[in-house]
Amino acid sequence: MNAEHNPSPKNPEPAENTATNENTGANAETVPGPSWSDSHEWDSGSETSVALRNNGVLTEIHKSQGNTGIWNKLGLISNGSVTKYDAHKHDSGYAPRIAVNNNGRVVQVHNNILGAAGKLYYRVGTINDDSTDIEWGDSHHYDSGQYADVSINDHGQIVEVHADQWLSNVWYHAGTINADNTISWGSAIKLDSGTAPAIALNNNGDVVEIHVSPGKDDMWYNVGRINGTQINWMRSISTKFDDGYWPAIDMNNHGQVYEVHNSLAIASDYWGRPGVLTANGMNWGNASKITTNVYPLNGVAINDNGALITTYAGSITKIKYRTAQWAH
């Protein structure tokens, strides 16, 4: 991947997945998990990601089930019920991920191909006036690697995280979204050894990142704060909090966090875990099983009203969704 970069390390270069093994902690019971709704059909496809605004407008992205087409599909969540709009093809590739802010700005990242020759691309857009589609800018190559994730806030700040071509190290970018649908990125910075990373950013500049050990099911997290084109991390080493594969994460402006993951690297049980950002890092609640037989690469989103949605591949060809409300 980043052979062309001369990165500055996470402060300092972390030991390889050294951890304090801070799993749920003594205060896990103070972060109750939500009760998820029944499963509903969303669309045909696979490799899904979802983002949610405070007004209830949700933005989902996925790959076609039989080819490399990338589609976006918008909807509206209200009191747990979802109104769906038509899907629209706007790109091609693999492993698409999406982020949205409350100003209607949208960013997606994806791979052109998977494997050691994989390149990463981004595209910036704006939700249209009736919140049924996205007006996209051009696609831009920005790095090499695999399985990127992205998050943006209402100030136009952006963080991105991805694995290298060999799925052995995690790198990140931070930057700013420009008015002309481009992004001013900082240099790629190595975060840790790992793969399948996910990241969340809020309006306070808080960042939570999670990833999986290479070749293992150990899941780790990092907490930091964006500072221009880099992230100031709270700790110099990642902290283990669970076991699993293919995580996704989101965080709202109250510091409420929700992550989802598969129990295996293939179709398997689908788990979720709530958490709350604290002055010392994260207070994770207990993990609970959401459903079974879910394929990899799924999404979760939470807004400031505590509305939650997860989109997931309930089969090789069908995407499903469930909604919930943050438990108080």
Protein backbone atom coordinates (compact mmCIF):
# COMPACT_ATOMS: atom_id res chain seq x y z
CA MET A 1 0.00 0.00 0.00
CA ASN A 2 1.63 3.10 1.31
CA ALA A 3 5.12 2.51 -0.01
CA GLU A 4 4.95 5.95 -1.61
CA HIS A 5 4.27 7.57 1.76
CA ASN A 6 6.74 8.48 4.45
CA PRO A 7 4.25 8.35 7.30
CA SER A 8 4.60 9.70 10.78
CA PRO A 9 3.55 7.01 13.25
CA LYS A 10 0.75 6.95 15.77
CA ASN A 11 2.19 8.73 18.75
CA PRO A 12 4.59 6.87 19.05
CA GLU A 13 4.76 3.81 16.73
CA PRO A 14 2.55 1.28 18.54
CA ALA A 15 3.64 -2.14 19.56
CA GLU A 16 1.90 -4.78 17.51
CA ASN A 17 -1.57 -4.99 19.03
CA THR A 18 -0.36 -4.58 22.57
CA ALA A 19 -3.45 -4.17 24.73
CA THR A 20 -4.79 -3.61 28.17
CA ASN A 21 -7.63 -6.02 27.27
CA GLU A 22 -10.26 -3.57 28.46
CA ASN A 23 -13.36 -5.51 27.45
CA THR A 24 -16.73 -4.49 28.89
CA GLY A 25 -15.48 -3.21 32.22
CA ALA A 26 -17.25 -2.92 35.55
CA ASN A 27 -19.61 -0.24 34.21
CA ALA A 28 -20.97 -2.24 31.28
CA GLU A 29 -24.39 -2.39 32.91
CA THR A 30 -24.60 1.43 32.75
CA VAL A 31 -24.62 1.27 28.92
CA PRO A 32 -27.77 -0.75 28.16
CA GLY A 33 -28.19 -2.14 24.68
CA PRO A 34 -31.11 -1.23 22.42
CA SER A 35 -33.87 -3.63 21.44
CA TRP A 36 -33.73 -4.15 17.68
CA SER A 37 -36.86 -4.38 15.55
CA ASP A 38 -37.76 -7.32 13.36
CA SER A 39 -35.86 -7.72 10.10
CA HIS A 40 -37.16 -6.03 6.94
CA GLU A 41 -36.13 -6.26 3.29
CA TRP A 42 -34.14 -3.26 2.07
CA ASP A 43 -32.88 -4.09 -1.44
CA SER A 44 -31.03 -6.60 -3.53
CA GLY A 45 -27.26 -6.47 -3.20
CA SER A 46 -24.35 -7.07 -0.84
CA GLU A 47 -21.54 -5.19 0.97
CA THR A 48 -23.74 -2.52 2.54
CA SER A 49 -23.04 0.62 4.58
CA VAL A 50 -25.45 3.18 6.06
CA ALA A 51 -25.39 6.71 7.49
CA LEU A 52 -28.10 8.74 9.27
CA ARG A 53 -28.88 12.45 9.69
CA ASN A 54 -30.66 14.03 12.66
CA ASN A 55 -33.74 14.69 10.50
CA GLY A 56 -34.13 10.94 9.98
CA VAL A 57 -32.88 10.86 6.39
CA LEU A 58 -30.77 7.75 5.93
CA THR A 59 -28.25 7.13 3.17
CA GLU A 60 -27.31 3.58 2.28
CA ILE A 61 -24.76 2.27 -0.23
CA HIS A 62 -24.15 -1.24 -1.53
CA LYS A 63 -22.63 -3.33 -4.29
CA SER A 64 -24.76 -5.20 -6.80
CA GLN A 65 -25.17 -8.86 -5.98
CA GLY A 66 -24.04 -10.01 -9.45
CA ASN A 67 -21.59 -7.36 -10.67
CA THR A 68 -19.46 -4.42 -9.51
CA GLY A 69 -22.15 -1.74 -9.70
CA ILE A 70 -22.32 0.57 -6.65
CA TRP A 71 -25.75 1.92 -5.75
CA ASN A 72 -27.04 4.45 -3.24
CA LYS A 73 -30.52 4.27 -1.75
CA LEU A 74 -32.08 6.86 0.55
CA GLY A 75 -34.89 6.56 3.06
CA LEU A 76 -36.54 8.24 6.01
CA ILE A 77 -36.72 6.76 9.50
CA SER A 78 -39.48 7.98 11.81
CA ASN A 79 -40.45 6.32 15.09
CA GLY A 80 -38.72 3.16 13.96
CA SER A 81 -40.55 2.96 10.63
CA VAL A 82 -38.63 3.41 7.38
CA THR A 83 -39.81 4.91 4.10
CA LYS A 84 -37.64 3.70 1.20
CA TYR A 85 -36.84 5.50 -2.04
CA ASP A 86 -35.45 4.15 -5.31
CA ALA A 87 -31.87 2.94 -5.60
CA HIS A 88 -29.55 4.69 -8.07
CA LYS A 89 -26.32 3.36 -9.60
CA HIS A 90 -23.50 5.92 -9.46
CA ASP A 91 -20.20 4.01 -9.49
CA SER A 92 -18.52 0.62 -9.72
CA GLY A 93 -16.18 -1.23 -7.38
CA TYR A 94 -16.07 -3.21 -4.16
CA ALA A 95 -16.51 -2.69 -0.41
CA PRO A 96 -18.27 0.71 -0.56
CA ARG A 97 -18.69 2.72 2.66
CA ILE A 98 -20.64 5.92 3.16
CA ALA A 99 -20.79 8.90 5.52
CA VAL A 100 -23.22 11.85 5.74
CA ASN A 101 -23.46 15.03 7.81
CA ASN A 102 -26.41 17.17 8.84
CA ASN A 103 -25.68 19.65 6.05
CA GLY A 104 -26.49 16.97 3.50
CA ARG A 105 -22.90 16.37 2.41
CA VAL A 106 -22.07 12.76 1.56
CA VAL A 107 -18.78 10.95 1.04
CA GLN A 108 -18.30 7.40 -0.19
CA VAL A 109 -15.09 5.36 -0.43
CA HIS A 110 -14.54 2.08 -2.26
CA ASN A 111 -12.03 -0.25 -3.90
CA ASN A 112 -11.66 -0.58 -7.65
CA ILE A 113 -10.62 -4.21 -7.06
CA LEU A 114 -9.78 -6.28 -4.01
CA GLY A 115 -6.34 -7.77 -3.49
CA ALA A 116 -2.76 -6.53 -3.53
CA ALA A 117 -3.38 -4.35 -6.60
CA GLY A 118 -6.37 -2.63 -5.01
CA LYS A 119 -6.72 1.14 -5.24
CA LEU A 120 -8.99 3.35 -3.13
CA TYR A 121 -11.33 6.00 -4.50
CA TYR A 122 -13.62 8.60 -3.01
CA ARG A 123 -16.61 10.53 -4.27
CA VAL A 124 -18.29 13.56 -2.64
CA GLY A 125 -21.94 14.47 -3.14
CA THR A 126 -24.92 16.35 -1.77
CA ILE A 127 -28.38 15.01 -0.91
CA ASN A 128 -30.94 16.55 -3.25
CA ASP A 129 -33.73 18.88 -2.13
CA ASP A 130 -36.37 16.18 -1.67
CA SER A 131 -33.92 13.79 0.06
CA THR A 132 -34.50 10.98 -2.44
CA ASP A 133 -31.12 10.86 -4.23
CA ILE A 134 -27.55 12.17 -4.16
CA GLU A 135 -25.94 14.60 -6.62
CA TRP A 136 -22.45 13.15 -6.92
CA GLY A 137 -19.17 14.75 -7.93
CA ASP A 138 -16.41 12.94 -9.78
CA SER A 139 -14.55 9.88 -8.50
CA HIS A 140 -10.97 10.46 -7.29
CA HIS A 141 -8.15 8.02 -6.56
CA TYR A 142 -6.52 8.83 -3.22
CA ASP A 143 -4.49 5.81 -2.03
CA SER A 144 -3.78 2.10 -2.36
CA GLY A 145 -5.13 -0.53 0.02
CA GLN A 146 -8.31 -2.40 0.88
CA TYR A 147 -11.49 -2.12 2.94
CA ALA A 148 -11.62 1.61 3.64
CA ASP A 149 -14.10 3.31 5.95
CA VAL A 150 -14.95 7.00 6.28
CA SER A 151 -16.70 9.44 8.62
CA ILE A 152 -17.45 13.19 8.36
CA ASN A 153 -18.88 15.87 10.63
CA ASP A 154 -20.89 19.08 10.20
CA HIS A 155 -17.69 21.17 10.10
CA GLY A 156 -16.54 19.47 6.91
CA GLN A 157 -13.82 17.48 8.66
CA ILE A 158 -13.21 13.94 7.44
CA VAL A 159 -11.37 10.87 8.68
CA GLU A 160 -10.67 7.74 6.65
CA VAL A 161 -9.12 4.41 7.63
CA HIS A 162 -8.07 1.41 5.56
CA ALA A 163 -5.99 -1.75 5.53
CA ASP A 164 -2.91 -2.06 3.35
CA GLN A 165 -2.81 -4.31 0.27
CA TRP A 166 -1.69 -7.27 2.39
CA LEU A 167 -4.36 -6.81 5.09
CA SER A 168 -1.66 -6.53 7.75
CA ASN A 169 -1.57 -2.85 8.78
CA VAL A 170 -4.13 -0.09 9.34
CA TRP A 171 -3.54 3.44 8.01
CA TYR A 172 -5.60 6.61 8.26
CA HIS A 173 -6.08 9.98 6.60
CA ALA A 174 -7.64 13.13 8.02
CA GLY A 175 -8.65 16.18 6.04
CA THR A 176 -11.30 18.63 4.90
CA ILE A 177 -14.13 18.44 2.38
CA ASN A 178 -14.00 21.23 -0.20
CA ALA A 179 -16.90 23.06 -1.87
CA ASP A 180 -15.90 21.66 -5.29
CA ASN A 181 -16.53 18.04 -4.22
CA THR A 182 -12.86 17.30 -3.61
CA ILE A 183 -11.07 16.48 -0.35
CA SER A 184 -7.85 17.98 0.97
CA TRP A 185 -6.21 14.95 2.57
CA GLY A 186 -3.29 14.83 4.92
CA SER A 187 -0.59 12.20 4.45
CA ALA A 188 -1.40 8.59 5.25
CA ILE A 189 -0.34 7.71 8.80
CA LYS A 190 0.14 4.19 10.12
CA LEU A 191 -2.08 3.47 13.09
CA ASP A 192 -1.44 -0.17 14.01
CA SER A 193 -1.17 -3.68 12.67
CA GLY A 194 -4.62 -4.92 11.72
CA THR A 195 -7.27 -5.24 9.07
CA ALA A 196 -10.98 -4.53 8.43
CA PRO A 197 -10.93 -1.12 10.18
CA ALA A 198 -13.92 1.13 10.87
CA ILE A 199 -14.03 4.73 12.11
CA ALA A 200 -16.44 7.34 13.51
CA LEU A 201 -16.11 11.13 13.93
CA ASN A 202 -18.44 13.64 15.62
CA ASN A 203 -18.80 17.44 15.74
CA ASN A 204 -16.57 17.66 18.82
CA GLY A 205 -13.73 16.19 16.77
CA ASP A 206 -13.84 12.95 18.76
CA VAL A 207 -12.74 9.85 16.85
CA VAL A 208 -13.27 6.17 17.64
CA GLU A 209 -11.54 3.55 15.48
CA ILE A 210 -11.86 -0.24 15.63
CA HIS A 211 -10.05 -3.01 13.74
CA VAL A 212 -9.29 -6.73 13.78
CA SER A 213 -5.95 -8.47 14.29
CA PRO A 214 -4.46 -9.94 11.09
CA GLY A 215 -5.38 -13.61 10.89
CA LYS A 216 -7.18 -13.57 14.27
CA ASP A 217 -10.53 -12.51 15.70
CA ASP A 218 -9.23 -10.05 18.31
CA MET A 219 -10.98 -6.68 18.01
CA TRP A 220 -9.29 -3.47 19.18
CA TYR A 221 -10.24 0.16 19.56
CA ASN A 222 -8.57 3.58 19.67
CA VAL A 223 -9.98 6.93 20.82
CA GLY A 224 -8.61 10.28 19.70
CA ARG A 225 -9.39 13.77 18.46
CA ILE A 226 -8.89 15.16 14.98
CA ASN A 227 -6.26 17.88 14.73
CA GLY A 228 -6.04 19.24 11.20
CA THR A 229 -4.66 16.48 9.00
CA GLN A 230 -3.86 14.06 11.81
CA ILE A 231 -5.50 12.48 14.84
CA ASN A 232 -4.16 12.91 18.38
CA TRP A 233 -4.73 9.50 19.94
CA MET A 234 -5.47 9.17 23.64
CA ARG A 235 -3.21 6.15 24.04
CA SER A 236 -0.14 4.96 22.19
CA ILE A 237 -1.45 1.39 22.03
CA SER A 238 -4.73 -0.14 20.91
CA THR A 239 -7.09 -1.68 23.47
CA LYS A 240 -8.81 -5.02 23.00
CA PHE A 241 -12.55 -5.01 23.63
CA ASP A 242 -14.10 -8.03 21.88
CA ASP A 243 -13.68 -10.90 19.43
CA GLY A 244 -15.12 -10.88 15.92
CA TYR A 245 -14.74 -9.93 12.29
CA TRP A 246 -15.81 -7.20 9.84
CA PRO A 247 -16.80 -4.48 12.33
CA ALA A 248 -18.71 -1.27 11.57
CA ILE A 249 -19.14 1.67 13.96
CA ASP A 250 -20.89 5.00 14.35
CA MET A 251 -20.99 7.73 17.01
CA ASN A 252 -23.27 10.72 17.58
CA ASN A 253 -22.51 14.14 19.02
CA HIS A 254 -23.41 12.96 22.55
CA GLY A 255 -20.58 10.42 22.45
CA GLN A 256 -22.97 7.47 22.15
CA VAL A 257 -21.33 4.71 20.11
CA TYR A 258 -22.63 1.54 18.54
CA GLU A 259 -20.61 -1.14 16.77
CA VAL A 260 -21.63 -4.29 14.89
CA HIS A 261 -19.56 -7.27 13.81
CA ASN A 262 -19.71 -10.86 12.58
CA SER A 263 -18.71 -13.71 14.87
CA LEU A 264 -16.84 -15.42 12.01
CA ALA A 265 -15.16 -14.26 8.81
CA ILE A 266 -17.95 -15.92 6.79
CA ALA A 267 -21.75 -15.93 7.12
CA SER A 268 -22.30 -16.11 10.86
CA ASP A 269 -23.97 -14.57 13.91
CA TYR A 270 -24.29 -10.77 13.84
CA TRP A 271 -23.51 -8.99 17.09
CA GLY A 272 -23.78 -5.43 18.37
CA ARG A 273 -22.32 -3.54 21.30
CA PRO A 274 -23.15 -0.07 22.67
CA GLY A 275 -20.58 2.23 24.19
CA VAL A 276 -20.17 5.72 25.59
CA LEU A 277 -17.18 7.97 25.06
CA THR A 278 -15.58 8.99 28.37
CA ALA A 279 -12.69 11.17 29.49
CA ASN A 280 -10.60 8.02 29.81
CA GLY A 281 -11.61 6.40 26.52
CA MET A 282 -14.64 4.13 26.12
CA ASN A 283 -17.15 2.52 28.43
CA TRP A 284 -18.46 -0.44 26.46
CA GLY A 285 -21.76 -2.12 27.27
CA ASN A 286 -22.40 -5.82 26.85
CA ALA A 287 -22.50 -7.37 23.40
CA SER A 288 -25.76 -8.95 22.24
CA LYS A 289 -26.66 -11.04 19.21
CA ILE A 290 -28.83 -9.16 16.70
CA THR A 291 -29.47 -11.99 14.23
CA THR A 292 -27.85 -14.99 12.53
CA ASN A 293 -26.48 -16.04 9.13
CA VAL A 294 -25.22 -12.60 8.11
CA TYR A 295 -22.60 -12.18 5.39
CA PRO A 296 -19.62 -9.78 5.78
CA LEU A 297 -19.49 -6.01 5.22
CA ASN A 298 -22.45 -4.38 6.93
CA GLY A 299 -23.33 -0.99 8.35
CA VAL A 300 -24.70 0.78 11.42
CA ALA A 301 -25.68 4.40 12.11
CA ILE A 302 -26.89 6.46 15.07
CA ASN A 303 -28.05 10.08 15.15
CA ASP A 304 -28.29 12.64 17.95
CA ASN A 305 -31.87 11.58 18.68
CA GLY A 306 -30.67 8.07 19.47
CA ALA A 307 -32.26 6.52 16.39
CA LEU A 308 -30.29 3.50 15.19
CA ILE A 309 -30.34 1.52 11.96
CA THR A 310 -28.26 -1.40 10.77
CA THR A 311 -28.17 -2.69 7.20
CA TYR A 312 -26.75 -6.14 6.62
CA ALA A 313 -26.45 -8.89 4.04
CA GLY A 314 -29.04 -11.39 5.18
CA SER A 315 -28.14 -13.61 2.22
CA ILE A 316 -25.74 -13.49 -0.72
CA THR A 317 -28.22 -11.41 -2.72
CA LYS A 318 -30.47 -9.58 -0.24
CA ILE A 319 -29.87 -6.65 2.10
CA LYS A 320 -32.03 -6.33 5.20
CA TYR A 321 -32.36 -3.71 7.91
CA ARG A 322 -33.41 -3.35 11.52
CA THR A 323 -34.07 -0.22 13.57
CA ALA A 324 -33.74 0.58 17.25
CA GLN A 325 -33.74 3.43 19.76
CA TRP A 326 -30.83 4.12 22.11
CA ALA A 327 -31.71 2.70 25.52
CA HIS A 328 -31.72 5.23 28.37
